[in-house]
């Protein structure tokens, strides 16, 4: 498991690769840190997708599709005009990753 101190050390090291700590301002350091965090976030998202695909192919996980019915003020429509609920609802399919 990755500890927060390890993550902070990684972020600091990446930031120092992009800036000179002796000459940069606090704002520049913060912007560089944000850029590193954004890059890490994108890399983690890609890695998660690769891992999930591998797990589905290995048969240890699956994607479950769920239908959701939403509308603005759904409770109001169902209470006051339930027959029109079908006209205003939006149906969306949501895929959820599930480990078997």
C-alpha atoms as a PDB file:
ATOM      1  CA  UNK A   1       0.000   0.000   0.000  1.00  0.00           C
ATOM      2  CA  UNK A   2       1.290   3.459  -0.872  1.00  0.00           C
ATOM      3  CA  UNK A   3       1.655   5.757   2.121  1.00  0.00           C
ATOM      4  CA  UNK A   4       0.929   9.455   1.892  1.00  0.00           C
ATOM      5  CA  UNK A   5       4.545  10.327   2.786  1.00  0.00           C
ATOM      6  CA  UNK A   6       5.760   8.222  -0.158  1.00  0.00           C
ATOM      7  CA  UNK A   7       3.312   9.959  -2.476  1.00  0.00           C
ATOM      8  CA  UNK A   8       4.374  13.388  -1.222  1.00  0.00           C
ATOM      9  CA  UNK A   9       8.034  12.480  -1.765  1.00  0.00           C
ATOM     10  CA  UNK A  10       7.275  11.409  -5.322  1.00  0.00           C
ATOM     11  CA  UNK A  11       5.415  14.651  -6.011  1.00  0.00           C
ATOM     12  CA  UNK A  12       8.231  16.766  -4.509  1.00  0.00           C
ATOM     13  CA  UNK A  13      10.833  14.954  -6.629  1.00  0.00           C
ATOM     14  CA  UNK A  14       8.793  15.474  -9.798  1.00  0.00           C
ATOM     15  CA  UNK A  15       8.261  19.163  -8.995  1.00  0.00           C
ATOM     16  CA  UNK A  16      11.986  19.674  -8.414  1.00  0.00           C
ATOM     17  CA  UNK A  17      12.651  18.249 -11.888  1.00  0.00           C
ATOM     18  CA  UNK A  18      10.627  21.131 -13.365  1.00  0.00           C
ATOM     19  CA  UNK A  19      11.642  24.122 -11.236  1.00  0.00           C
ATOM     20  CA  UNK A  20      14.630  25.674  -9.488  1.00  0.00           C
ATOM     21  CA  UNK A  21      13.662  25.816  -5.796  1.00  0.00           C
ATOM     22  CA  UNK A  22      16.088  28.678  -5.122  1.00  0.00           C
ATOM     23  CA  UNK A  23      14.637  31.065  -7.680  1.00  0.00           C
ATOM     24  CA  UNK A  24      10.970  30.133  -8.066  1.00  0.00           C
ATOM     25  CA  UNK A  25       8.136  31.819  -6.253  1.00  0.00           C
ATOM     26  CA  UNK A  26       5.581  30.030  -4.123  1.00  0.00           C
ATOM     27  CA  UNK A  27       3.015  30.478  -6.888  1.00  0.00           C
ATOM     28  CA  UNK A  28       5.345  28.911  -9.472  1.00  0.00           C
ATOM     29  CA  UNK A  29       6.009  25.976  -7.158  1.00  0.00           C
ATOM     30  CA  UNK A  30       2.287  25.506  -6.589  1.00  0.00           C
ATOM     31  CA  UNK A  31       1.568  25.619 -10.336  1.00  0.00           C
ATOM     32  CA  UNK A  32       4.329  23.061 -10.971  1.00  0.00           C
ATOM     33  CA  UNK A  33       2.883  20.828  -8.243  1.00  0.00           C
ATOM     34  CA  UNK A  34      -0.578  21.081  -9.785  1.00  0.00           C
ATOM     35  CA  UNK A  35       0.820  20.120 -13.195  1.00  0.00           C
ATOM     36  CA  UNK A  36       2.528  17.087 -11.659  1.00  0.00           C
ATOM     37  CA  UNK A  37      -0.671  16.068  -9.878  1.00  0.00           C
ATOM     38  CA  UNK A  38      -2.672  16.378 -13.109  1.00  0.00           C
ATOM     39  CA  UNK A  39      -0.129  14.254 -14.989  1.00  0.00           C
ATOM     40  CA  UNK A  40      -0.151  11.634 -12.217  1.00  0.00           C
ATOM     41  CA  UNK A  41      -3.934  11.585 -12.212  1.00  0.00           C
ATOM     42  CA  UNK A  42      -4.062  10.933 -15.966  1.00  0.00           C
ATOM     43  CA  UNK A  43      -1.383   8.226 -15.718  1.00  0.00           C
ATOM     44  CA  UNK A  44      -3.236   6.519 -12.867  1.00  0.00           C
ATOM     45  CA  UNK A  45      -6.531   6.620 -14.792  1.00  0.00           C
ATOM     46  CA  UNK A  46      -4.873   4.963 -17.804  1.00  0.00           C
ATOM     47  CA  UNK A  47      -3.218   2.336 -15.594  1.00  0.00           C
ATOM     48  CA  UNK A  48      -6.537   1.596 -13.859  1.00  0.00           C
ATOM     49  CA  UNK A  49      -8.206   1.005 -17.212  1.00  0.00           C
ATOM     50  CA  UNK A  50      -5.408  -1.352 -18.301  1.00  0.00           C
ATOM     51  CA  UNK A  51      -5.668  -3.260 -15.005  1.00  0.00           C
ATOM     52  CA  UNK A  52      -9.456  -3.506 -15.228  1.00  0.00           C
ATOM     53  CA  UNK A  53      -9.281  -4.765 -18.823  1.00  0.00           C
ATOM     54  CA  UNK A  54      -6.738  -7.409 -17.823  1.00  0.00           C
ATOM     55  CA  UNK A  55      -8.958  -8.517 -14.946  1.00  0.00           C
ATOM     56  CA  UNK A  56     -12.008  -8.801 -17.227  1.00  0.00           C
ATOM     57  CA  UNK A  57      -9.992 -10.827 -19.761  1.00  0.00           C
ATOM     58  CA  UNK A  58      -8.748 -13.118 -16.966  1.00  0.00           C
ATOM     59  CA  UNK A  59     -12.339 -13.684 -15.839  1.00  0.00           C
ATOM     60  CA  UNK A  60     -11.886 -12.302 -12.327  1.00  0.00           C
ATOM     61  CA  UNK A  61     -13.960  -9.170 -12.922  1.00  0.00           C
ATOM     62  CA  UNK A  62     -16.762  -7.870 -15.101  1.00  0.00           C
ATOM     63  CA  UNK A  63     -18.621  -4.707 -15.982  1.00  0.00           C
ATOM     64  CA  UNK A  64     -22.225  -4.595 -14.793  1.00  0.00           C
ATOM     65  CA  UNK A  65     -24.612  -2.360 -16.732  1.00  0.00           C
ATOM     66  CA  UNK A  66     -27.326  -0.628 -14.749  1.00  0.00           C
ATOM     67  CA  UNK A  67     -30.169   1.441 -16.150  1.00  0.00           C
ATOM     68  CA  UNK A  68     -30.888   4.687 -14.340  1.00  0.00           C
ATOM     69  CA  UNK A  69     -33.980   6.817 -14.742  1.00  0.00           C
ATOM     70  CA  UNK A  70     -33.488  10.458 -13.814  1.00  0.00           C
ATOM     71  CA  UNK A  71     -35.433  13.677 -14.137  1.00  0.00           C
ATOM     72  CA  UNK A  72     -35.304  17.119 -12.631  1.00  0.00           C
ATOM     73  CA  UNK A  73     -37.274  16.870  -9.390  1.00  0.00           C
ATOM     74  CA  UNK A  74     -38.033  13.184  -9.893  1.00  0.00           C
ATOM     75  CA  UNK A  75     -39.882  12.954  -6.572  1.00  0.00           C
ATOM     76  CA  UNK A  76     -42.152  15.872  -7.546  1.00  0.00           C
ATOM     77  CA  UNK A  77     -43.030  14.316 -10.920  1.00  0.00           C
ATOM     78  CA  UNK A  78     -43.820  10.947  -9.383  1.00  0.00           C
ATOM     79  CA  UNK A  79     -45.978  12.520  -6.703  1.00  0.00           C
ATOM     80  CA  UNK A  80     -47.829  15.169  -8.730  1.00  0.00           C
ATOM     81  CA  UNK A  81     -47.902  13.929 -12.308  1.00  0.00           C
ATOM     82  CA  UNK A  82     -46.885  10.267 -12.359  1.00  0.00           C
ATOM     83  CA  UNK A  83     -48.379   9.700 -15.820  1.00  0.00           C
ATOM     84  CA  UNK A  84     -46.075  12.369 -17.306  1.00  0.00           C
ATOM     85  CA  UNK A  85     -43.042  10.959 -15.488  1.00  0.00           C
ATOM     86  CA  UNK A  86     -42.330   8.724 -18.484  1.00  0.00           C
ATOM     87  CA  UNK A  87     -42.164  11.791 -20.758  1.00  0.00           C
ATOM     88  CA  UNK A  88     -39.640  13.753 -18.699  1.00  0.00           C
ATOM     89  CA  UNK A  89     -37.351  10.986 -17.507  1.00  0.00           C
ATOM     90  CA  UNK A  90     -33.892  10.399 -18.921  1.00  0.00           C
ATOM     91  CA  UNK A  91     -32.591   6.877 -19.183  1.00  0.00           C
ATOM     92  CA  UNK A  92     -28.849   6.319 -18.951  1.00  0.00           C
ATOM     93  CA  UNK A  93     -26.807   3.149 -18.855  1.00  0.00           C
ATOM     94  CA  UNK A  94     -24.015   3.080 -16.299  1.00  0.00           C
ATOM     95  CA  UNK A  95     -21.196   0.537 -16.466  1.00  0.00           C
ATOM     96  CA  UNK A  96     -19.799  -0.392 -13.047  1.00  0.00           C
ATOM     97  CA  UNK A  97     -16.648  -2.419 -12.586  1.00  0.00           C
ATOM     98  CA  UNK A  98     -17.157  -5.400 -10.292  1.00  0.00           C
ATOM     99  CA  UNK A  99     -14.602  -7.920  -9.028  1.00  0.00           C
ATOM    100  CA  UNK A 100     -16.084 -11.426  -8.988  1.00  0.00           C
END
